[in-house]
Structures are given as structure tokens and as C-alpha cells.
Amino acid sequence: MPAKTAPTGYSRLQITLHWLVFALIAQQYLFKDAMSAAWDRITDGLEAGFDPLVLAHVTGGALVMIFALWRLTLRARCGVPPAIEASKVQGILAKLTHAGLYALMILMPLSGSVAWFGGVEAAAQGHNVLKIALLALVALHVVGALYHQFVLRDGTVARMRRAQG
């Protein structure tokens, strides 16, 4: 069986899922205050009541996890283009950042679900710690993309804008 060659770019589906996850993570931070307020009411023994922003946060988190798992499945089945590395250290940093992002896109919805649906305070606290880690990795990811775009000018960002073979 011949070896599978790496694609030259990301598929349209991979790109769409990337930007959907980006938008969902952004909206998670927009709706976090409503979720925090509802959690505070529940931990104070009060009724949370229905809040569409809480529903948006719960649904958004579930979608982030589903789309992250879908993206990982696509990576395994279709592959990804080879990394454009400016140095070995940057290549390792990029791999660790991506691994961390995928781990957090799965762990955060899980911890949030255990907290919200199970009422587990430790899961809520873990969720808040993971939130900080996710923000840090997203920031590092964006800085890396901007570095590739404006310093190295190597076309890395273009691969996440246009589908290729």
C-alpha cells in the first residue's frame, strides 16, 4: 500500500470548522457573565431560571467540543499540510500550542457540563482555570499567525483562508 501524501492545504470543511470554532469560543466569553450569574444563584440555593444567554453558553460549549472532535477526525482521515516552520523551536511550540488548544476544546465543555449538569463545584473551579489556559493559548496562536503573516510572510495564514488540494 503506497504511503499517503500530505495535502498541500486545508479542505474547505477544515477551514470552515476552524473559523466556526473561533466564533464559538469568542461567543463563549461574551456569554460567560450570564453563566457565572446563573451559577452563583444556584450555589446560593436559588432558582437559576431560564436565560437564553446561559443556553447559548451551554450549546456553544457543546458545539466547540463536537467541532473539535470532528476536526481531529478530519486530521486523522485527510491529513493536514506540512507545518511551515521558521525554526525547530517554533515547530515544537506550534505543535504544543495546537495540542493544548484541542485538549482544552474538549476538556472545557466536559468540565462545564459536569459543573452545570452535575452541580460539581470542583468542576466549575477547574473550568475557570482552563479558561485562563485557553485564553493564553488562543493569544499565542494568534501571535504566531500574525508573526507568520507579517514577519515571515510565508503564507501560513492564507492556508486557513482558501481551500487547497
N, C-alpha and C. Protein backbone atom coordinates (compact mmCIF):
# COMPACT_ATOMS: atom_id res chain seq x y z
N MET A 1 0.84 -1.18 0.00
CA MET A 1 0.00 0.00 0.00
C MET A 1 0.89 1.24 0.00
N PRO A 2 0.70 2.16 -0.96
CA PRO A 2 1.55 3.33 -1.02
C PRO A 2 1.31 4.27 0.15
N ALA A 3 2.35 5.00 0.54
CA ALA A 3 2.24 5.96 1.65
C ALA A 3 1.33 7.11 1.25
N LYS A 4 0.53 7.54 2.18
CA LYS A 4 -0.38 8.66 1.94
C LYS A 4 0.42 9.96 1.98
N THR A 5 0.25 10.78 0.96
CA THR A 5 0.97 12.06 0.93
C THR A 5 0.14 13.12 1.65
N ALA A 6 0.83 14.04 2.27
CA ALA A 6 0.16 15.12 2.99
C ALA A 6 -0.49 16.05 1.98
N PRO A 7 -1.67 16.56 2.31
CA PRO A 7 -2.32 17.52 1.41
C PRO A 7 -1.51 18.82 1.35
N THR A 8 -1.71 19.57 0.29
CA THR A 8 -0.99 20.84 0.15
C THR A 8 -1.67 21.98 0.91
N GLY A 9 -2.91 21.77 1.31
CA GLY A 9 -3.63 22.79 2.07
C GLY A 9 -4.77 22.15 2.84
N TYR A 10 -5.51 22.98 3.54
CA TYR A 10 -6.66 22.51 4.30
C TYR A 10 -7.88 22.44 3.40
N SER A 11 -8.78 21.53 3.71
CA SER A 11 -10.02 21.41 2.94
C SER A 11 -10.98 22.54 3.32
N ARG A 12 -11.98 22.75 2.50
CA ARG A 12 -13.00 23.77 2.80
C ARG A 12 -13.68 23.47 4.14
N LEU A 13 -13.95 22.18 4.41
CA LEU A 13 -14.58 21.80 5.67
C LEU A 13 -13.66 22.09 6.86
N GLN A 14 -12.38 21.77 6.73
CA GLN A 14 -11.44 22.05 7.81
C GLN A 14 -11.37 23.55 8.11
N ILE A 15 -11.35 24.35 7.07
CA ILE A 15 -11.29 25.81 7.25
C ILE A 15 -12.58 26.31 7.88
N THR A 16 -13.71 25.83 7.41
CA THR A 16 -15.00 26.25 7.97
C THR A 16 -15.08 25.91 9.44
N LEU A 17 -14.70 24.69 9.81
CA LEU A 17 -14.74 24.28 11.22
C LEU A 17 -13.79 25.12 12.07
N HIS A 18 -12.61 25.44 11.53
CA HIS A 18 -11.66 26.29 12.26
C HIS A 18 -12.30 27.62 12.63
N TRP A 19 -12.92 28.29 11.66
CA TRP A 19 -13.49 29.61 11.90
C TRP A 19 -14.78 29.53 12.71
N LEU A 20 -15.55 28.46 12.57
CA LEU A 20 -16.73 28.27 13.42
C LEU A 20 -16.32 28.12 14.89
N VAL A 21 -15.28 27.33 15.13
CA VAL A 21 -14.80 27.16 16.49
C VAL A 21 -14.28 28.48 17.04
N PHE A 22 -13.57 29.23 16.23
CA PHE A 22 -13.10 30.56 16.65
C PHE A 22 -14.29 31.43 17.08
N ALA A 23 -15.33 31.48 16.26
CA ALA A 23 -16.50 32.30 16.57
C ALA A 23 -17.21 31.78 17.83
N LEU A 24 -17.31 30.47 17.97
CA LEU A 24 -17.96 29.90 19.15
C LEU A 24 -17.19 30.20 20.43
N ILE A 25 -15.87 30.10 20.37
CA ILE A 25 -15.07 30.41 21.56
C ILE A 25 -15.21 31.89 21.91
N ALA A 26 -15.25 32.75 20.92
CA ALA A 26 -15.45 34.18 21.18
C ALA A 26 -16.80 34.41 21.85
N GLN A 27 -17.86 33.76 21.35
CA GLN A 27 -19.18 33.95 21.96
C GLN A 27 -19.25 33.35 23.36
N GLN A 28 -18.44 32.32 23.63
CA GLN A 28 -18.42 31.76 24.98
C GLN A 28 -17.99 32.83 25.99
N TYR A 29 -17.02 33.65 25.60
CA TYR A 29 -16.56 34.70 26.51
C TYR A 29 -17.58 35.83 26.59
N LEU A 30 -18.33 36.06 25.54
CA LEU A 30 -19.36 37.09 25.59
C LEU A 30 -20.49 36.70 26.53
N PHE A 31 -20.83 35.40 26.59
CA PHE A 31 -21.96 34.94 27.39
C PHE A 31 -21.53 34.37 28.75
N LYS A 32 -20.28 34.48 29.10
CA LYS A 32 -19.81 33.89 30.35
C LYS A 32 -20.39 34.57 31.59
N ASP A 33 -20.67 35.86 31.51
CA ASP A 33 -21.21 36.57 32.68
C ASP A 33 -22.60 36.05 33.05
N ALA A 34 -23.42 35.78 32.05
CA ALA A 34 -24.75 35.23 32.33
C ALA A 34 -24.63 33.86 32.97
N MET A 35 -23.69 33.07 32.49
CA MET A 35 -23.48 31.74 33.06
C MET A 35 -22.96 31.85 34.49
N SER A 36 -22.03 32.75 34.72
CA SER A 36 -21.48 32.95 36.08
C SER A 36 -22.58 33.39 37.04
N ALA A 37 -23.43 34.30 36.61
CA ALA A 37 -24.52 34.77 37.45
C ALA A 37 -25.49 33.64 37.77
N ALA A 38 -25.81 32.83 36.77
CA ALA A 38 -26.71 31.69 36.99
C ALA A 38 -26.07 30.69 37.96
N TRP A 39 -24.78 30.43 37.80
CA TRP A 39 -24.07 29.51 38.69
C TRP A 39 -24.09 30.05 40.12
N ASP A 40 -23.85 31.35 40.28
CA ASP A 40 -23.88 31.95 41.62
C ASP A 40 -25.25 31.79 42.26
N ARG A 41 -26.32 31.99 41.48
CA ARG A 41 -27.67 31.81 42.01
C ARG A 41 -27.88 30.37 42.47
N ILE A 42 -27.44 29.43 41.68
CA ILE A 42 -27.62 28.02 42.03
C ILE A 42 -26.83 27.66 43.28
N THR A 43 -25.58 28.11 43.36
CA THR A 43 -24.77 27.78 44.53
C THR A 43 -25.28 28.48 45.79
N ASP A 44 -26.04 29.56 45.61
CA ASP A 44 -26.67 30.23 46.75
C ASP A 44 -28.01 29.58 47.12
N GLY A 45 -28.38 28.50 46.41
CA GLY A 45 -29.61 27.78 46.70
C GLY A 45 -30.84 28.40 46.06
N LEU A 46 -30.64 29.28 45.09
CA LEU A 46 -31.75 29.94 44.41
C LEU A 46 -32.03 29.26 43.07
N GLU A 47 -33.16 29.58 42.51
CA GLU A 47 -33.53 29.07 41.17
C GLU A 47 -32.82 29.92 40.12
N ALA A 48 -32.20 29.25 39.17
CA ALA A 48 -31.49 29.99 38.11
C ALA A 48 -32.47 30.59 37.11
N GLY A 49 -33.54 29.90 36.84
CA GLY A 49 -34.49 30.38 35.83
C GLY A 49 -33.91 30.24 34.44
N PHE A 50 -34.76 30.44 33.45
CA PHE A 50 -34.32 30.31 32.06
C PHE A 50 -33.66 31.60 31.61
N ASP A 51 -32.51 31.47 30.97
CA ASP A 51 -31.80 32.61 30.40
C ASP A 51 -31.25 32.16 29.04
N PRO A 52 -31.67 32.82 27.96
CA PRO A 52 -31.18 32.40 26.64
C PRO A 52 -29.66 32.52 26.51
N LEU A 53 -29.03 33.42 27.25
CA LEU A 53 -27.57 33.53 27.19
C LEU A 53 -26.89 32.34 27.86
N VAL A 54 -27.51 31.79 28.88
CA VAL A 54 -26.99 30.58 29.51
C VAL A 54 -27.13 29.41 28.54
N LEU A 55 -28.29 29.33 27.90
CA LEU A 55 -28.50 28.28 26.89
C LEU A 55 -27.48 28.42 25.76
N ALA A 56 -27.20 29.65 25.33
CA ALA A 56 -26.21 29.88 24.27
C ALA A 56 -24.83 29.41 24.73
N HIS A 57 -24.50 29.65 26.00
CA HIS A 57 -23.20 29.23 26.51
C HIS A 57 -23.09 27.70 26.56
N VAL A 58 -24.11 27.05 27.06
CA VAL A 58 -24.11 25.59 27.15
C VAL A 58 -24.05 24.98 25.75
N THR A 59 -24.89 25.49 24.85
CA THR A 59 -24.91 24.98 23.47
C THR A 59 -23.59 25.26 22.76
N GLY A 60 -23.09 26.47 22.94
CA GLY A 60 -21.81 26.83 22.32
C GLY A 60 -20.68 25.93 22.77
N GLY A 61 -20.63 25.64 24.07
CA GLY A 61 -19.59 24.75 24.57
C GLY A 61 -19.70 23.36 23.97
N ALA A 62 -20.92 22.85 23.89
CA ALA A 62 -21.11 21.52 23.29
C ALA A 62 -20.66 21.52 21.83
N LEU A 63 -20.99 22.59 21.11
CA LEU A 63 -20.59 22.67 19.69
C LEU A 63 -19.07 22.78 19.54
N VAL A 64 -18.42 23.53 20.43
CA VAL A 64 -16.95 23.61 20.38
C VAL A 64 -16.36 22.21 20.48
N MET A 65 -16.85 21.43 21.44
CA MET A 65 -16.31 20.08 21.61
C MET A 65 -16.62 19.19 20.41
N ILE A 66 -17.84 19.24 19.92
CA ILE A 66 -18.22 18.43 18.76
C ILE A 66 -17.37 18.79 17.55
N PHE A 67 -17.22 20.09 17.30
CA PHE A 67 -16.43 20.53 16.14
C PHE A 67 -14.95 20.20 16.33
N ALA A 68 -14.43 20.27 17.56
CA ALA A 68 -13.03 19.91 17.80
C ALA A 68 -12.82 18.42 17.52
N LEU A 69 -13.74 17.59 17.98
CA LEU A 69 -13.63 16.16 17.70
C LEU A 69 -13.75 15.88 16.21
N TRP A 70 -14.62 16.61 15.53
CA TRP A 70 -14.77 16.46 14.08
C TRP A 70 -13.47 16.87 13.39
N ARG A 71 -12.88 17.98 13.85
CA ARG A 71 -11.62 18.44 13.26
C ARG A 71 -10.52 17.40 13.45
N LEU A 72 -10.46 16.80 14.63
CA LEU A 72 -9.44 15.77 14.88
C LEU A 72 -9.67 14.55 13.99
N THR A 73 -10.93 14.20 13.78
CA THR A 73 -11.26 13.10 12.87
C THR A 73 -10.81 13.42 11.45
N LEU A 74 -11.07 14.64 11.01
CA LEU A 74 -10.63 15.05 9.67
C LEU A 74 -9.12 15.03 9.55
N ARG A 75 -8.43 15.48 10.59
CA ARG A 75 -6.96 15.45 10.58
C ARG A 75 -6.45 14.03 10.41
N ALA A 76 -7.10 13.09 11.12
CA ALA A 76 -6.66 11.69 11.06
C ALA A 76 -6.97 11.08 9.69
N ARG A 77 -8.13 11.41 9.14
CA ARG A 77 -8.55 10.81 7.87
C ARG A 77 -7.93 11.48 6.66
N CYS A 78 -7.92 12.80 6.63
CA CYS A 78 -7.49 13.54 5.45
C CYS A 78 -6.08 14.08 5.56
N GLY A 79 -5.58 14.20 6.76
CA GLY A 79 -4.27 14.78 6.98
C GLY A 79 -4.33 16.30 6.98
N VAL A 80 -3.18 16.89 7.19
CA VAL A 80 -3.04 18.33 7.17
C VAL A 80 -1.77 18.66 6.40
N PRO A 81 -1.70 19.87 5.88
CA PRO A 81 -0.47 20.23 5.16
C PRO A 81 0.71 20.27 6.12
N PRO A 82 1.90 20.07 5.61
CA PRO A 82 3.07 20.14 6.49
C PRO A 82 3.21 21.53 7.10
N ALA A 83 3.70 21.57 8.32
CA ALA A 83 3.89 22.85 9.01
C ALA A 83 4.96 23.67 8.31
N ILE A 84 4.75 24.96 8.32
CA ILE A 84 5.78 25.89 7.85
C ILE A 84 6.51 26.36 9.09
N GLU A 85 7.72 25.86 9.28
CA GLU A 85 8.46 26.15 10.50
C GLU A 85 9.62 27.08 10.21
N ALA A 86 9.69 28.13 11.00
CA ALA A 86 10.82 29.05 10.88
C ALA A 86 12.04 28.49 11.62
N SER A 87 11.79 27.71 12.66
CA SER A 87 12.86 27.06 13.40
C SER A 87 12.31 25.82 14.09
N LYS A 88 13.20 24.98 14.57
CA LYS A 88 12.78 23.77 15.27
C LYS A 88 12.00 24.12 16.54
N VAL A 89 12.45 25.13 17.26
CA VAL A 89 11.77 25.55 18.49
C VAL A 89 10.36 26.03 18.17
N GLN A 90 10.21 26.82 17.10
CA GLN A 90 8.89 27.31 16.73
C GLN A 90 7.99 26.15 16.29
N GLY A 91 8.55 25.16 15.65
CA GLY A 91 7.78 23.98 15.25
C GLY A 91 7.26 23.23 16.46
N ILE A 92 8.11 23.05 17.46
CA ILE A 92 7.70 22.37 18.70
C ILE A 92 6.64 23.20 19.42
N LEU A 93 6.85 24.51 19.48
CA LEU A 93 5.90 25.40 20.14
C LEU A 93 4.54 25.35 19.44
N ALA A 94 4.55 25.32 18.11
CA ALA A 94 3.30 25.25 17.35
C ALA A 94 2.57 23.93 17.64
N LYS A 95 3.29 22.83 17.67
CA LYS A 95 2.67 21.52 17.94
C LYS A 95 2.07 21.49 19.35
N LEU A 96 2.82 22.00 20.32
CA LEU A 96 2.32 22.03 21.69
C LEU A 96 1.10 22.94 21.82
N THR A 97 1.13 24.08 21.14
CA THR A 97 0.00 25.01 21.19
C THR A 97 -1.24 24.36 20.60
N HIS A 98 -1.10 23.72 19.43
CA HIS A 98 -2.25 23.07 18.81
C HIS A 98 -2.78 21.92 19.66
N ALA A 99 -1.88 21.12 20.22
CA ALA A 99 -2.31 20.02 21.09
C ALA A 99 -3.06 20.56 22.31
N GLY A 100 -2.54 21.64 22.88
CA GLY A 100 -3.19 22.26 24.03
C GLY A 100 -4.56 22.81 23.67
N LEU A 101 -4.65 23.46 22.51
CA LEU A 101 -5.95 24.00 22.08
C LEU A 101 -6.98 22.89 21.91
N TYR A 102 -6.59 21.81 21.25
CA TYR A 102 -7.53 20.70 21.07
C TYR A 102 -7.92 20.10 22.42
N ALA A 103 -6.95 19.91 23.31
CA ALA A 103 -7.25 19.35 24.62
C ALA A 103 -8.24 20.25 25.36
N LEU A 104 -8.02 21.54 25.33
CA LEU A 104 -8.90 22.47 26.04
C LEU A 104 -10.28 22.57 25.39
N MET A 105 -10.34 22.45 24.06
CA MET A 105 -11.64 22.49 23.38
C MET A 105 -12.49 21.27 23.73
N ILE A 106 -11.86 20.25 24.27
CA ILE A 106 -12.59 19.06 24.72
C ILE A 106 -12.80 19.11 26.24
N LEU A 107 -11.76 19.45 26.99
CA LEU A 107 -11.84 19.45 28.44
C LEU A 107 -12.75 20.55 29.00
N MET A 108 -12.76 21.71 28.38
CA MET A 108 -13.59 22.80 28.90
C MET A 108 -15.08 22.46 28.82
N PRO A 109 -15.59 22.00 27.68
CA PRO A 109 -17.01 21.61 27.66
C PRO A 109 -17.32 20.47 28.64
N LEU A 110 -16.38 19.53 28.79
CA LEU A 110 -16.61 18.44 29.73
C LEU A 110 -16.68 18.95 31.17
N SER A 111 -15.73 19.80 31.55
CA SER A 111 -15.75 20.33 32.92
C SER A 111 -16.96 21.23 33.14
N GLY A 112 -17.32 22.02 32.13
CA GLY A 112 -18.50 22.86 32.24
C GLY A 112 -19.77 22.04 32.38
N SER A 113 -19.86 20.94 31.65
CA SER A 113 -21.03 20.07 31.74
C SER A 113 -21.14 19.40 33.11
N VAL A 114 -20.00 18.93 33.62
CA VAL A 114 -20.00 18.30 34.94
C VAL A 114 -20.41 19.32 36.00
N ALA A 115 -19.91 20.55 35.85
CA ALA A 115 -20.28 21.60 36.80
C ALA A 115 -21.77 21.94 36.69
N TRP A 116 -22.23 22.23 35.47
CA TRP A 116 -23.59 22.72 35.28
C TRP A 116 -24.64 21.63 35.52
N PHE A 117 -24.46 20.50 34.89
CA PHE A 117 -25.47 19.44 34.99
C PHE A 117 -25.31 18.57 36.23
N GLY A 118 -24.06 18.51 36.75
CA GLY A 118 -23.82 17.70 37.94
C GLY A 118 -23.73 18.50 39.22
N GLY A 119 -23.64 19.82 39.10
CA GLY A 119 -23.54 20.66 40.28
C GLY A 119 -22.24 20.49 41.05
N VAL A 120 -21.17 20.15 40.34
CA VAL A 120 -19.88 19.87 40.98
C VAL A 120 -19.04 21.15 41.01
N GLU A 121 -18.85 21.68 42.19
CA GLU A 121 -18.10 22.93 42.37
C GLU A 121 -16.66 22.81 41.88
N ALA A 122 -16.02 21.68 42.16
CA ALA A 122 -14.63 21.49 41.73
C ALA A 122 -14.52 21.55 40.20
N ALA A 123 -15.51 21.03 39.50
CA ALA A 123 -15.51 21.10 38.03
C ALA A 123 -15.65 22.55 37.57
N ALA A 124 -16.47 23.33 38.28
CA ALA A 124 -16.63 24.75 37.94
C ALA A 124 -15.31 25.50 38.15
N GLN A 125 -14.62 25.20 39.25
CA GLN A 125 -13.34 25.84 39.50
C GLN A 125 -12.31 25.43 38.45
N GLY A 126 -12.30 24.15 38.10
CA GLY A 126 -11.40 23.68 37.04
C GLY A 126 -11.71 24.34 35.72
N HIS A 127 -12.98 24.51 35.43
CA HIS A 127 -13.42 25.16 34.20
C HIS A 127 -12.86 26.58 34.13
N ASN A 128 -12.88 27.29 35.25
CA ASN A 128 -12.34 28.65 35.27
C ASN A 128 -10.83 28.69 35.10
N VAL A 129 -10.13 27.71 35.64
CA VAL A 129 -8.68 27.62 35.44
C VAL A 129 -8.37 27.32 33.97
N LEU A 130 -9.13 26.38 33.40
CA LEU A 130 -8.93 26.03 31.98
C LEU A 130 -9.21 27.22 31.08
N LYS A 131 -10.15 28.07 31.48
CA LYS A 131 -10.48 29.28 30.70
C LYS A 131 -9.24 30.16 30.53
N ILE A 132 -8.48 30.31 31.59
CA ILE A 132 -7.26 31.13 31.53
C ILE A 132 -6.24 30.49 30.59
N ALA A 133 -6.09 29.18 30.70
CA ALA A 133 -5.16 28.47 29.82
C ALA A 133 -5.59 28.60 28.37
N LEU A 134 -6.90 28.49 28.11
CA LEU A 134 -7.40 28.62 26.74
C LEU A 134 -7.13 30.01 26.19
N LEU A 135 -7.39 31.03 26.99
CA LEU A 135 -7.11 32.41 26.54
C LEU A 135 -5.63 32.58 26.20
N ALA A 136 -4.77 32.02 27.03
CA ALA A 136 -3.33 32.14 26.79
C ALA A 136 -2.94 31.44 25.48
N LEU A 137 -3.47 30.24 25.26
CA LEU A 137 -3.12 29.51 24.04
C LEU A 137 -3.73 30.15 22.79
N VAL A 138 -4.94 30.67 22.91
CA VAL A 138 -5.53 31.38 21.77
C VAL A 138 -4.68 32.60 21.44
N ALA A 139 -4.26 33.34 22.45
CA ALA A 139 -3.41 34.51 22.22
C ALA A 139 -2.09 34.10 21.56
N LEU A 140 -1.49 33.02 22.04
CA LEU A 140 -0.24 32.53 21.45
C LEU A 140 -0.46 32.10 20.00
N HIS A 141 -1.57 31.46 19.73
CA HIS A 141 -1.92 31.03 18.37
C HIS A 141 -2.07 32.23 17.44
N VAL A 142 -2.75 33.26 17.91
CA VAL A 142 -2.95 34.47 17.11
C VAL A 142 -1.61 35.18 16.89
N VAL A 143 -0.82 35.30 17.93
CA VAL A 143 0.50 35.94 17.79
C VAL A 143 1.35 35.17 16.78
N GLY A 144 1.31 33.84 16.87
CA GLY A 144 2.06 33.02 15.91
C GLY A 144 1.59 33.24 14.49
N ALA A 145 0.27 33.30 14.30
CA ALA A 145 -0.27 33.54 12.96
C ALA A 145 0.15 34.91 12.44
N LEU A 146 0.07 35.91 13.29
CA LEU A 146 0.48 37.27 12.88
C LEU A 146 1.98 37.32 12.58
N TYR A 147 2.79 36.60 13.34
CA TYR A 147 4.23 36.53 13.10
C TYR A 147 4.49 35.92 11.72
N HIS A 148 3.80 34.82 11.42
CA HIS A 148 3.96 34.20 10.10
C HIS A 148 3.49 35.14 8.99
N GLN A 149 2.40 35.85 9.24
CA GLN A 149 1.83 36.72 8.21
C GLN A 149 2.70 37.95 7.93
N PHE A 150 3.12 38.63 8.98
CA PHE A 150 3.74 39.94 8.80
C PHE A 150 5.26 39.95 8.93
N VAL A 151 5.84 38.97 9.61
CA VAL A 151 7.29 38.92 9.75
C VAL A 151 7.89 37.94 8.74
N LEU A 152 7.43 36.70 8.81
CA LEU A 152 7.97 35.69 7.91
C LEU A 152 7.37 35.77 6.51
N ARG A 153 6.13 36.25 6.40
CA ARG A 153 5.44 36.36 5.12
C ARG A 153 5.51 35.04 4.33
N ASP A 154 5.16 33.95 5.02
CA ASP A 154 5.33 32.62 4.44
C ASP A 154 4.05 31.94 3.97
N GLY A 155 2.92 32.64 4.04
CA GLY A 155 1.68 32.08 3.52
C GLY A 155 0.93 31.17 4.47
N THR A 156 1.36 31.10 5.71
CA THR A 156 0.68 30.22 6.67
C THR A 156 -0.78 30.62 6.86
N VAL A 157 -1.03 31.90 7.02
CA VAL A 157 -2.40 32.37 7.25
C VAL A 157 -3.29 32.12 6.03
N ALA A 158 -2.74 32.25 4.86
CA ALA A 158 -3.52 32.04 3.62
C ALA A 158 -4.05 30.60 3.56
N ARG A 159 -3.35 29.67 4.16
CA ARG A 159 -3.81 28.28 4.14
C ARG A 159 -5.10 28.09 4.92
N MET A 160 -5.41 29.01 5.85
CA MET A 160 -6.64 28.89 6.63
C MET A 160 -7.72 29.82 6.07
N ARG A 161 -7.46 30.41 4.91
CA ARG A 161 -8.46 31.26 4.24
C ARG A 161 -8.99 30.63 2.96
N ARG A 162 -8.16 29.90 2.25
CA ARG A 162 -8.56 29.32 0.97
C ARG A 162 -8.30 27.82 0.96
N ALA A 163 -9.29 27.07 0.56
CA ALA A 163 -9.14 25.61 0.48
C ALA A 163 -8.20 25.24 -0.66
N GLN A 164 -7.40 24.20 -0.39
CA GLN A 164 -6.48 23.70 -1.40
C GLN A 164 -6.48 22.19 -1.36
N GLY A 165 -5.92 21.59 -2.40
CA GLY A 165 -5.89 20.16 -2.61
C GLY A 165 -5.48 19.36 -1.47
